[in-house]
Amino acid sequence: MNVVWTRDLSVGIQEIDRQHQDLFHHINGFLDSLQPAPPGDSVAERFDLLEKYVNEHFSAEEGYMNGQLAGYYPDREARRHRGEHETFIRDYREYLTEIMASGLTVQRADEFRSWMRNWWFMHVSGTDRRLGSALRARYPFIK
């Protein structure tokens, strides 16, 4: 039940693809570490560490939107893209809050794994691929 990188998820920009691969590695390690735990367990530390990696990646993508693509990436698309990032962080933190209050059950861990897998697949295969297309159109020499 891991987040699996395939070439079909490539955005066509090596730096972003490498970030996705590294991020998926961290996500999978995190998901593999989720075991049932009582309320208040140290799961928060693991959530915080993964959130740090996720935020670094989101910042890099938003840097492209605000930097190299400023004026070339449609504002509507940039707002939607940033909105997906914000929604992910909000929902991710809500999962943490619920787990800290109620504990981590097998069912809750499976639900969280499924949500992570689906969110990352949809985001990378759709939104991030559009970002990659915009970068390649603006900078045809970029790889």
C-alpha atoms as a PDB file:
ATOM      1  CA  MET A   1       0.000   0.000   0.000  1.00  0.00           C
ATOM      2  CA  ASN A   2       2.823   2.391  -0.840  1.00  0.00           C
ATOM      3  CA  VAL A   3       2.993   5.471  -3.015  1.00  0.00           C
ATOM      4  CA  VAL A   4       4.619   4.087  -6.144  1.00  0.00           C
ATOM      5  CA  TRP A   5       6.710   6.156  -8.540  1.00  0.00           C
ATOM      6  CA  THR A   6       6.398   5.207 -12.200  1.00  0.00           C
ATOM      7  CA  ARG A   7       7.554   6.947 -15.357  1.00  0.00           C
ATOM      8  CA  ASP A   8       3.901   7.763 -16.002  1.00  0.00           C
ATOM      9  CA  LEU A   9       4.156  10.233 -13.103  1.00  0.00           C
ATOM     10  CA  SER A  10       7.091  12.080 -14.645  1.00  0.00           C
ATOM     11  CA  VAL A  11       6.486  15.795 -15.076  1.00  0.00           C
ATOM     12  CA  GLY A  12       9.353  15.983 -17.561  1.00  0.00           C
ATOM     13  CA  ILE A  13      11.556  18.135 -15.316  1.00  0.00           C
ATOM     14  CA  GLN A  14      14.390  16.124 -13.741  1.00  0.00           C
ATOM     15  CA  GLU A  15      14.588  18.217 -10.574  1.00  0.00           C
ATOM     16  CA  ILE A  16      10.871  17.877  -9.829  1.00  0.00           C
ATOM     17  CA  ASP A  17      10.844  14.182 -10.768  1.00  0.00           C
ATOM     18  CA  ARG A  18      13.798  13.568  -8.432  1.00  0.00           C
ATOM     19  CA  GLN A  19      12.010  15.458  -5.650  1.00  0.00           C
ATOM     20  CA  HIS A  20       8.900  13.335  -6.181  1.00  0.00           C
ATOM     21  CA  GLN A  21      10.936  10.134  -6.063  1.00  0.00           C
ATOM     22  CA  ASP A  22      12.698  11.235  -2.854  1.00  0.00           C
ATOM     23  CA  LEU A  23       9.424  12.386  -1.332  1.00  0.00           C
ATOM     24  CA  PHE A  24       7.723   9.083  -2.199  1.00  0.00           C
ATOM     25  CA  HIS A  25      10.624   7.283  -0.490  1.00  0.00           C
ATOM     26  CA  HIS A  26      10.069   9.337   2.680  1.00  0.00           C
ATOM     27  CA  ILE A  27       6.288   8.901   2.474  1.00  0.00           C
ATOM     28  CA  ASN A  28       6.645   5.136   2.104  1.00  0.00           C
ATOM     29  CA  GLY A  29       9.024   4.907   5.058  1.00  0.00           C
ATOM     30  CA  PHE A  30       6.558   6.928   7.100  1.00  0.00           C
ATOM     31  CA  LEU A  31       3.564   4.843   6.014  1.00  0.00           C
ATOM     32  CA  ASP A  32       5.455   1.617   6.725  1.00  0.00           C
ATOM     33  CA  SER A  33       6.205   2.871  10.250  1.00  0.00           C
ATOM     34  CA  LEU A  34       2.547   3.419  11.137  1.00  0.00           C
ATOM     35  CA  GLN A  35       1.534   0.852  13.715  1.00  0.00           C
ATOM     36  CA  PRO A  36      -1.416   0.930  16.085  1.00  0.00           C
ATOM     37  CA  ALA A  37      -0.621   3.247  18.993  1.00  0.00           C
ATOM     38  CA  PRO A  38      -2.455   4.743  21.962  1.00  0.00           C
ATOM     39  CA  PRO A  39      -3.539   8.398  22.052  1.00  0.00           C
ATOM     40  CA  GLY A  40      -0.623  10.803  22.530  1.00  0.00           C
ATOM     41  CA  ASP A  41       2.008   8.389  21.211  1.00  0.00           C
ATOM     42  CA  SER A  42       5.131   9.808  19.537  1.00  0.00           C
ATOM     43  CA  VAL A  43       3.505   9.516  16.114  1.00  0.00           C
ATOM     44  CA  ALA A  44       3.463  13.338  16.033  1.00  0.00           C
ATOM     45  CA  GLU A  45       7.247  13.436  15.631  1.00  0.00           C
ATOM     46  CA  ARG A  46       7.013  11.238  12.530  1.00  0.00           C
ATOM     47  CA  PHE A  47       4.173  13.349  11.131  1.00  0.00           C
ATOM     48  CA  ASP A  48       6.202  16.524  11.714  1.00  0.00           C
ATOM     49  CA  LEU A  49       9.267  15.132   9.952  1.00  0.00           C
ATOM     50  CA  LEU A  50       7.288  14.101   6.887  1.00  0.00           C
ATOM     51  CA  GLU A  51       5.484  17.445   6.846  1.00  0.00           C
ATOM     52  CA  LYS A  52       8.896  19.130   6.692  1.00  0.00           C
ATOM     53  CA  TYR A  53       9.813  17.162   3.547  1.00  0.00           C
ATOM     54  CA  VAL A  54       6.417  17.874   1.992  1.00  0.00           C
ATOM     55  CA  ASN A  55       6.668  21.610   2.707  1.00  0.00           C
ATOM     56  CA  GLU A  56      10.153  21.769   1.171  1.00  0.00           C
ATOM     57  CA  HIS A  57       8.786  20.195  -1.995  1.00  0.00           C
ATOM     58  CA  PHE A  58       5.733  22.446  -2.096  1.00  0.00           C
ATOM     59  CA  SER A  59       7.987  25.489  -1.633  1.00  0.00           C
ATOM     60  CA  ALA A  60      10.122  24.394  -4.574  1.00  0.00           C
ATOM     61  CA  GLU A  61       7.086  24.024  -6.830  1.00  0.00           C
ATOM     62  CA  GLU A  62       5.673  27.351  -5.728  1.00  0.00           C
ATOM     63  CA  GLY A  63       9.094  28.879  -6.349  1.00  0.00           C
ATOM     64  CA  TYR A  64       8.774  27.842  -9.985  1.00  0.00           C
ATOM     65  CA  MET A  65       5.301  29.359 -10.169  1.00  0.00           C
ATOM     66  CA  ASN A  66       6.443  32.637  -8.583  1.00  0.00           C
ATOM     67  CA  GLY A  67       9.847  32.777 -10.227  1.00  0.00           C
ATOM     68  CA  GLN A  68      10.631  31.212 -13.576  1.00  0.00           C
ATOM     69  CA  LEU A  69       6.974  30.996 -14.580  1.00  0.00           C
ATOM     70  CA  ALA A  70       5.775  34.322 -13.206  1.00  0.00           C
ATOM     71  CA  GLY A  71       3.559  35.761 -15.906  1.00  0.00           C
ATOM     72  CA  TYR A  72       3.577  32.501 -17.921  1.00  0.00           C
ATOM     73  CA  TYR A  73       1.728  30.118 -15.610  1.00  0.00           C
ATOM     74  CA  PRO A  74      -1.948  31.102 -15.549  1.00  0.00           C
ATOM     75  CA  ASP A  75      -2.899  32.776 -12.276  1.00  0.00           C
ATOM     76  CA  ARG A  76      -5.954  30.545 -11.997  1.00  0.00           C
ATOM     77  CA  GLU A  77      -3.780  27.434 -12.309  1.00  0.00           C
ATOM     78  CA  ALA A  78      -1.223  28.774  -9.811  1.00  0.00           C
ATOM     79  CA  ARG A  79      -3.980  29.533  -7.289  1.00  0.00           C
ATOM     80  CA  ARG A  80      -5.466  26.083  -7.757  1.00  0.00           C
ATOM     81  CA  HIS A  81      -2.056  24.451  -7.420  1.00  0.00           C
ATOM     82  CA  ARG A  82      -1.223  26.357  -4.216  1.00  0.00           C
ATOM     83  CA  GLY A  83      -4.728  25.618  -2.970  1.00  0.00           C
ATOM     84  CA  GLU A  84      -4.104  21.880  -3.372  1.00  0.00           C
ATOM     85  CA  HIS A  85      -0.927  22.249  -1.318  1.00  0.00           C
ATOM     86  CA  GLU A  86      -2.776  24.157   1.397  1.00  0.00           C
ATOM     87  CA  THR A  87      -5.609  21.622   1.442  1.00  0.00           C
ATOM     88  CA  PHE A  88      -3.148  18.756   1.724  1.00  0.00           C
ATOM     89  CA  ILE A  89      -1.407  20.333   4.732  1.00  0.00           C
ATOM     90  CA  ARG A  90      -4.755  21.125   6.391  1.00  0.00           C
ATOM     91  CA  ASP A  91      -6.063  17.584   5.902  1.00  0.00           C
ATOM     92  CA  TYR A  92      -2.733  16.048   6.911  1.00  0.00           C
ATOM     93  CA  ARG A  93      -2.777  18.008  10.171  1.00  0.00           C
ATOM     94  CA  GLU A  94      -6.412  17.016  10.775  1.00  0.00           C
ATOM     95  CA  TYR A  95      -5.391  13.363  10.526  1.00  0.00           C
ATOM     96  CA  LEU A  96      -2.629  14.008  13.061  1.00  0.00           C
ATOM     97  CA  THR A  97      -5.020  15.782  15.439  1.00  0.00           C
ATOM     98  CA  GLU A  98      -7.508  12.914  15.263  1.00  0.00           C
ATOM     99  CA  ILE A  99      -4.793  10.291  15.739  1.00  0.00           C
ATOM    100  CA  MET A 100      -3.309  12.142  18.718  1.00  0.00           C
ATOM    101  CA  ALA A 101      -6.744  12.375  20.325  1.00  0.00           C
ATOM    102  CA  SER A 102      -8.021   8.871  19.561  1.00  0.00           C
ATOM    103  CA  GLY A 103      -4.923   6.797  18.946  1.00  0.00           C
ATOM    104  CA  LEU A 104      -3.863   5.076  15.755  1.00  0.00           C
ATOM    105  CA  THR A 105      -5.971   2.037  14.944  1.00  0.00           C
ATOM    106  CA  VAL A 106      -5.328  -0.384  12.105  1.00  0.00           C
ATOM    107  CA  GLN A 107      -8.423   0.974  10.346  1.00  0.00           C
ATOM    108  CA  ARG A 108      -7.297   4.606  10.764  1.00  0.00           C
ATOM    109  CA  ALA A 109      -3.783   3.779   9.553  1.00  0.00           C
ATOM    110  CA  ASP A 110      -5.201   2.044   6.470  1.00  0.00           C
ATOM    111  CA  GLU A 111      -7.516   4.987   5.783  1.00  0.00           C
ATOM    112  CA  PHE A 112      -4.608   7.418   6.082  1.00  0.00           C
ATOM    113  CA  ARG A 113      -2.378   5.301   3.797  1.00  0.00           C
ATOM    114  CA  SER A 114      -5.133   5.170   1.190  1.00  0.00           C
ATOM    115  CA  TRP A 115      -5.688   8.929   1.386  1.00  0.00           C
ATOM    116  CA  MET A 116      -1.948   9.619   1.007  1.00  0.00           C
ATOM    117  CA  ARG A 117      -1.586   7.252  -1.930  1.00  0.00           C
ATOM    118  CA  ASN A 118      -4.608   8.694  -3.732  1.00  0.00           C
ATOM    119  CA  TRP A 119      -3.761  12.337  -3.021  1.00  0.00           C
ATOM    120  CA  TRP A 120      -0.180  12.078  -4.245  1.00  0.00           C
ATOM    121  CA  PHE A 121      -1.123  10.103  -7.344  1.00  0.00           C
ATOM    122  CA  MET A 122      -3.824  12.599  -8.340  1.00  0.00           C
ATOM    123  CA  HIS A 123      -1.705  15.663  -7.548  1.00  0.00           C
ATOM    124  CA  VAL A 124       1.428  14.520  -9.367  1.00  0.00           C
ATOM    125  CA  SER A 125      -0.342  12.949 -12.353  1.00  0.00           C
ATOM    126  CA  GLY A 126      -2.509  16.029 -12.888  1.00  0.00           C
ATOM    127  CA  THR A 127      -1.497  19.308 -11.297  1.00  0.00           C
ATOM    128  CA  ASP A 128       2.256  18.737 -11.221  1.00  0.00           C
ATOM    129  CA  ARG A 129       2.323  17.452 -14.788  1.00  0.00           C
ATOM    130  CA  ARG A 130       0.640  20.691 -15.894  1.00  0.00           C
ATOM    131  CA  LEU A 131       3.357  22.619 -14.052  1.00  0.00           C
ATOM    132  CA  GLY A 132       6.002  20.560 -15.858  1.00  0.00           C
ATOM    133  CA  SER A 133       4.329  21.267 -19.210  1.00  0.00           C
ATOM    134  CA  ALA A 134       4.323  24.991 -18.483  1.00  0.00           C
ATOM    135  CA  LEU A 135       8.019  24.919 -17.549  1.00  0.00           C
ATOM    136  CA  ARG A 136       8.949  22.981 -20.696  1.00  0.00           C
ATOM    137  CA  ALA A 137       6.898  25.351 -22.874  1.00  0.00           C
ATOM    138  CA  ARG A 138       8.582  28.411 -21.348  1.00  0.00           C
ATOM    139  CA  TYR A 139      12.066  26.869 -21.259  1.00  0.00           C
ATOM    140  CA  PRO A 140      12.280  24.236 -24.019  1.00  0.00           C
ATOM    141  CA  PHE A 141      15.907  23.486 -23.090  1.00  0.00           C
ATOM    142  CA  ILE A 142      15.065  22.512 -19.496  1.00  0.00           C
ATOM    143  CA  LYS A 143      15.233  18.852 -18.559  1.00  0.00           C
END
